[in-house]
Amino acid sequence: MGQITTRLVSGDHIETAKAVAVQAGIMDKPENYTCLTGEEFRNIVGGIRQELTEDGQVKLIIERENEFRNLVNGKESKKPLRVIARATSYDKYLLVLGLSNLGRSVATIGEGLNDVDALNAANVGFSMGSGVSIAKDSSDMILINDNFEATMMAVMWGRNIYLNVRRFIQFQVTVNLSTLLFVFLGCATKG
């Protein structure tokens, strides 16, 4: 199971967004991570371009994919991206699209009309129960009590169920294969 990386995309001032990210546990110290404004983020990664795939489908690609990869992974600066402040809905959509194109599983939380594109582009979209109905319709799950910790609990329980089902299947396969082996050996020695 992979590690979950949480990023904050906010319309607030950058200092406010940093303080919220520290308080929420998204980052320990702002100096250890990259924190950008939406405009700086767009200047680094560019926009979105369309590319035609071999099977005739149109795929949306980040213009400067290498810069995007380096930014989110923190390869050049050793500081991975954690906060985008003064962000627009386009910035959130760019981030979700770019992470998806890198092969990452992306979950997005939103509540307003401006979050619909990002909710649709994400693998899993969470909307707040107090959000607008179009965001709820675009999401996969609705957080009734507007509690972000509920998503972490859902991930914890989902991983626990996955591991238990995996262990059960492994046990059943082992038991059934050894039973079949003994049946075949028993038939072979009698014949």
Protein backbone atom coordinates (compact mmCIF):
# COMPACT_ATOMS: atom_id res chain seq x y z
CA MET A 1 0.00 0.00 0.00
CA GLY A 2 1.27 3.41 -0.90
CA GLN A 3 1.73 6.43 1.23
CA ILE A 4 -0.91 9.16 1.19
CA THR A 5 0.35 12.64 0.36
CA THR A 6 -2.00 15.49 1.23
CA ARG A 7 -1.77 18.81 -0.58
CA LEU A 8 -3.67 21.97 0.24
CA VAL A 9 -5.12 24.03 -2.60
CA SER A 10 -6.63 27.19 -1.17
CA GLY A 11 -7.90 30.57 -2.27
CA ASP A 12 -6.48 32.14 0.90
CA HIS A 13 -3.34 34.24 1.26
CA ILE A 14 -0.16 32.13 1.18
CA GLU A 15 0.73 32.77 4.84
CA THR A 16 -2.77 31.73 5.93
CA ALA A 17 -2.61 28.59 3.77
CA LYS A 18 0.79 27.68 5.26
CA ALA A 19 -0.54 28.10 8.79
CA VAL A 20 -3.58 25.94 8.01
CA ALA A 21 -1.35 23.27 6.43
CA VAL A 22 0.88 23.16 9.51
CA GLN A 23 -2.13 23.02 11.84
CA ALA A 24 -3.76 20.25 9.77
CA GLY A 25 -0.56 18.18 9.75
CA ILE A 26 -0.01 18.46 6.00
CA MET A 27 3.51 19.72 6.62
CA ASP A 28 5.64 20.14 9.70
CA LYS A 29 7.60 23.27 8.74
CA PRO A 30 6.86 25.44 5.68
CA GLU A 31 10.58 25.77 4.91
CA ASN A 32 10.80 22.00 4.29
CA TYR A 33 8.22 22.10 1.47
CA THR A 34 7.35 24.11 -1.62
CA CYS A 35 4.47 26.54 -1.12
CA LEU A 36 3.36 28.52 -4.17
CA THR A 37 0.63 30.85 -5.27
CA GLY A 38 -1.63 29.74 -8.09
CA GLU A 39 0.03 32.15 -10.49
CA GLU A 40 3.52 30.82 -9.68
CA PHE A 41 2.22 27.25 -10.11
CA ARG A 42 0.77 28.05 -13.55
CA ASN A 43 3.99 29.80 -14.60
CA ILE A 44 6.02 26.69 -13.74
CA VAL A 45 3.80 23.96 -15.20
CA GLY A 46 2.10 25.86 -18.01
CA GLY A 47 -1.40 25.01 -19.07
CA ILE A 48 -3.18 22.04 -20.56
CA ARG A 49 -2.72 20.80 -24.10
CA GLN A 50 -4.56 18.10 -25.99
CA GLU A 51 -2.79 15.11 -27.44
CA LEU A 52 -4.23 12.42 -29.72
CA THR A 53 -3.48 8.88 -28.58
CA GLU A 54 -2.88 5.91 -30.88
CA ASP A 55 -6.44 4.67 -30.46
CA GLY A 56 -7.88 8.04 -31.53
CA GLN A 57 -8.75 9.32 -28.05
CA VAL A 58 -7.98 12.87 -26.95
CA LYS A 59 -5.82 12.99 -23.83
CA LEU A 60 -5.27 16.12 -21.77
CA ILE A 61 -1.60 16.69 -20.89
CA ILE A 62 0.21 19.26 -18.73
CA GLU A 63 2.33 21.45 -21.04
CA ARG A 64 5.53 21.19 -19.00
CA GLU A 65 5.18 17.69 -17.59
CA ASN A 66 8.83 17.37 -16.52
CA GLU A 67 8.64 20.59 -14.52
CA PHE A 68 5.39 19.37 -12.97
CA ARG A 69 6.94 16.03 -12.01
CA ASN A 70 9.97 17.75 -10.47
CA LEU A 71 7.73 20.16 -8.56
CA VAL A 72 5.40 17.59 -6.99
CA ASN A 73 8.23 15.16 -6.20
CA GLY A 74 10.67 17.84 -5.07
CA LYS A 75 13.50 16.42 -7.20
CA GLU A 76 15.42 19.62 -7.93
CA SER A 77 14.69 21.67 -4.81
CA LYS A 78 14.38 18.69 -2.42
CA LYS A 79 11.12 20.33 -1.33
CA PRO A 80 7.95 18.61 -2.59
CA LEU A 81 4.86 20.71 -3.31
CA ARG A 82 2.41 20.85 -0.40
CA VAL A 83 0.51 24.16 -0.66
CA ILE A 84 -0.95 26.19 -3.52
CA ALA A 85 -2.44 29.44 -2.22
CA ARG A 86 -4.47 32.09 -4.01
CA ALA A 87 -5.48 29.24 -6.27
CA THR A 88 -8.25 29.17 -8.83
CA SER A 89 -10.38 26.21 -9.83
CA TYR A 90 -8.10 25.84 -12.86
CA ASP A 91 -5.07 25.40 -10.58
CA LYS A 92 -6.82 22.62 -8.67
CA TYR A 93 -7.82 20.96 -11.94
CA LEU A 94 -4.22 21.27 -13.25
CA LEU A 95 -2.88 19.58 -10.10
CA VAL A 96 -5.39 16.72 -10.24
CA LEU A 97 -4.87 16.19 -13.98
CA GLY A 98 -1.08 16.27 -13.67
CA LEU A 99 -1.02 13.78 -10.78
CA SER A 100 -3.39 11.47 -12.66
CA ASN A 101 -1.17 11.62 -15.75
CA LEU A 102 1.79 10.61 -13.57
CA GLY A 103 -0.10 7.42 -12.70
CA ARG A 104 -1.04 8.46 -9.18
CA SER A 105 -4.39 7.70 -7.60
CA VAL A 106 -5.92 11.05 -6.80
CA ALA A 107 -8.68 11.88 -4.34
CA THR A 108 -10.08 15.41 -4.25
CA ILE A 109 -12.27 17.17 -1.74
CA GLY A 110 -14.49 20.03 -2.86
CA GLU A 111 -17.69 21.79 -2.00
CA GLY A 112 -18.38 24.47 -4.58
CA LEU A 113 -19.15 24.94 -8.22
CA ASN A 114 -15.49 25.76 -8.88
CA ASP A 115 -14.44 22.27 -7.67
CA VAL A 116 -16.54 20.29 -10.17
CA ASP A 117 -13.80 19.86 -12.82
CA ALA A 118 -11.29 18.62 -10.24
CA LEU A 119 -13.87 16.27 -8.69
CA ASN A 120 -14.61 14.79 -12.13
CA ALA A 121 -10.91 14.41 -13.01
CA ALA A 122 -9.98 12.69 -9.74
CA ASN A 123 -10.11 8.92 -9.22
CA VAL A 124 -12.22 9.53 -6.12
CA GLY A 125 -14.12 12.74 -5.50
CA PHE A 126 -15.30 13.70 -2.01
CA SER A 127 -17.73 16.54 -1.52
CA MET A 128 -18.83 18.22 1.67
CA GLY A 129 -22.40 17.63 2.81
CA SER A 130 -22.89 21.39 3.12
CA GLY A 131 -21.64 21.96 -0.45
CA VAL A 132 -23.65 22.77 -3.55
CA SER A 133 -25.63 20.01 -5.20
CA ILE A 134 -23.62 20.03 -8.46
CA ALA A 135 -20.44 19.27 -6.48
CA LYS A 136 -22.26 16.46 -4.67
CA ASP A 137 -23.46 15.06 -8.02
CA SER A 138 -19.91 15.17 -9.41
CA SER A 139 -18.37 13.42 -6.42
CA ASP A 140 -18.16 9.73 -5.60
CA MET A 141 -18.70 10.17 -1.86
CA ILE A 142 -20.37 12.85 0.23
CA LEU A 143 -18.96 13.67 3.65
CA ILE A 144 -22.16 14.26 5.61
CA ASN A 145 -20.49 15.85 8.65
CA ASP A 146 -17.94 17.93 6.65
CA ASN A 147 -15.09 16.25 8.52
CA PHE A 148 -11.81 15.71 6.66
CA GLU A 149 -10.77 13.06 9.22
CA ALA A 150 -13.60 10.90 7.89
CA THR A 151 -11.63 10.40 4.68
CA MET A 152 -8.62 9.18 6.65
CA MET A 153 -10.83 6.78 8.61
CA ALA A 154 -12.35 5.53 5.34
CA VAL A 155 -8.88 4.89 3.94
CA MET A 156 -7.82 3.10 7.13
CA TRP A 157 -10.91 0.86 7.14
CA GLY A 158 -10.67 0.23 3.39
CA ARG A 159 -7.04 -0.85 3.64
CA ASN A 160 -7.86 -3.04 6.62
CA ILE A 161 -10.68 -4.77 4.71
CA TYR A 162 -8.45 -5.18 1.65
CA LEU A 163 -5.67 -6.81 3.70
CA ASN A 164 -8.10 -9.14 5.47
CA VAL A 165 -9.72 -10.26 2.19
CA ARG A 166 -6.26 -10.80 0.71
CA ARG A 167 -5.17 -12.92 3.68
CA PHE A 168 -8.39 -14.94 3.52
CA ILE A 169 -7.94 -15.66 -0.19
CA GLN A 170 -4.31 -16.61 0.38
CA PHE A 171 -5.37 -18.99 3.16
CA GLN A 172 -8.14 -20.54 1.03
CA VAL A 173 -5.86 -21.06 -1.98
CA THR A 174 -3.18 -22.68 0.20
CA VAL A 175 -5.64 -25.01 1.92
CA ASN A 176 -7.45 -25.98 -1.28
CA LEU A 177 -4.24 -26.59 -3.26
CA SER A 178 -2.82 -28.81 -0.53
CA THR A 179 -6.13 -30.71 -0.34
CA LEU A 180 -6.08 -31.25 -4.10
CA LEU A 181 -2.47 -32.39 -3.91
CA PHE A 182 -3.33 -35.01 -1.25
CA VAL A 183 -6.35 -36.21 -3.26
CA PHE A 184 -4.25 -36.64 -6.41
CA LEU A 185 -1.44 -38.36 -4.50
CA GLY A 186 -3.95 -40.65 -2.82
CA CYS A 187 -5.55 -41.57 -6.19
CA ALA A 188 -2.15 -42.10 -7.80
CA THR A 189 -0.91 -44.50 -5.10
CA LYS A 190 -4.12 -46.58 -5.15
CA GLY A 191 -4.16 -46.90 -8.92
